[in-house]
Protein backbone atom coordinates (compact mmCIF):
# COMPACT_ATOMS: atom_id res chain seq x y z
CA UNK A 1 0.00 0.00 0.00
CA UNK A 2 1.19 3.44 -0.90
CA UNK A 3 0.28 6.21 1.56
CA UNK A 4 0.88 9.88 0.85
CA UNK A 5 -0.38 13.34 1.71
CA UNK A 6 -0.93 16.46 -0.36
CA UNK A 7 -1.28 20.09 0.59
CA UNK A 8 -4.73 21.61 0.08
CA UNK A 9 -5.13 25.28 0.96
CA UNK A 10 -4.11 25.49 4.65
CA UNK A 11 -4.18 21.77 5.55
CA UNK A 12 -3.04 18.36 4.29
CA UNK A 13 -5.17 15.46 2.98
CA UNK A 14 -4.11 11.82 2.99
CA UNK A 15 -4.28 9.27 0.20
CA UNK A 16 -4.00 5.49 0.02
CA UNK A 17 -3.03 4.30 -3.47
CA UNK A 18 -4.12 7.71 -4.86
CA UNK A 19 -7.59 7.41 -3.26
CA UNK A 20 -8.61 9.97 -0.64
CA UNK A 21 -8.77 8.50 2.88
CA UNK A 22 -12.10 9.42 4.47
CA UNK A 23 -12.97 9.02 8.14
CA UNK A 24 -16.69 9.46 7.47
CA UNK A 25 -18.89 9.91 4.41
CA UNK A 26 -18.04 13.60 4.11
CA UNK A 27 -14.79 14.13 5.99
CA UNK A 28 -11.28 13.27 4.77
CA UNK A 29 -8.38 12.55 7.11
CA UNK A 30 -6.63 15.90 7.56
CA UNK A 31 -3.61 17.48 9.27
CA UNK A 32 -3.01 21.16 9.96
CA UNK A 33 0.76 21.33 9.46
CA UNK A 34 3.53 19.28 7.84
CA UNK A 35 4.91 17.93 11.14
CA UNK A 36 1.48 16.58 12.07
CA UNK A 37 1.12 15.13 8.56
CA UNK A 38 4.48 13.33 8.84
CA UNK A 39 3.48 11.77 12.18
CA UNK A 40 0.18 10.53 10.76
CA UNK A 41 1.95 9.15 7.69
CA UNK A 42 4.41 7.30 9.93
CA UNK A 43 1.49 5.68 11.81
CA UNK A 44 -0.29 4.78 8.56
CA UNK A 45 2.80 3.04 7.21
CA UNK A 46 3.26 0.84 10.29
CA UNK A 47 2.72 -2.79 9.38
CA UNK A 48 1.18 -3.63 12.74
CA UNK A 49 -2.09 -1.78 13.16
CA UNK A 50 -2.86 -0.81 16.73
CA UNK A 51 -6.22 0.52 17.82
CA UNK A 52 -4.89 2.98 20.39
CA UNK A 53 -7.46 5.80 20.53
CA UNK A 54 -4.85 8.14 22.00
CA UNK A 55 -2.23 7.71 19.27
CA UNK A 56 -1.57 10.54 16.83
CA UNK A 57 -3.49 8.64 14.14
CA UNK A 58 -6.38 7.80 16.49
CA UNK A 59 -6.79 11.36 17.69
CA UNK A 60 -6.45 12.74 14.14
CA UNK A 61 -9.17 10.38 12.87
CA UNK A 62 -11.42 11.52 15.73
CA UNK A 63 -10.75 15.22 15.08
CA UNK A 64 -11.25 14.84 11.33
CA UNK A 65 -14.62 13.14 11.87
CA UNK A 66 -16.05 16.13 13.75
CA UNK A 67 -18.31 18.40 11.73
């Protein structure tokens, strides 16, 4: 799997194999700055998936799902 992020206006969106990663029907996974985006990307690329709700990825998914 190929994970990446791209800058859009004042935030970053994430892609898996060139498809936008969405956390809900309307909301994509987003990061505010490049350091945050790099941390999320690092978690996405981990081979072992952990369901820690307090990880950077877990908290970012939660925040991105808020309307």
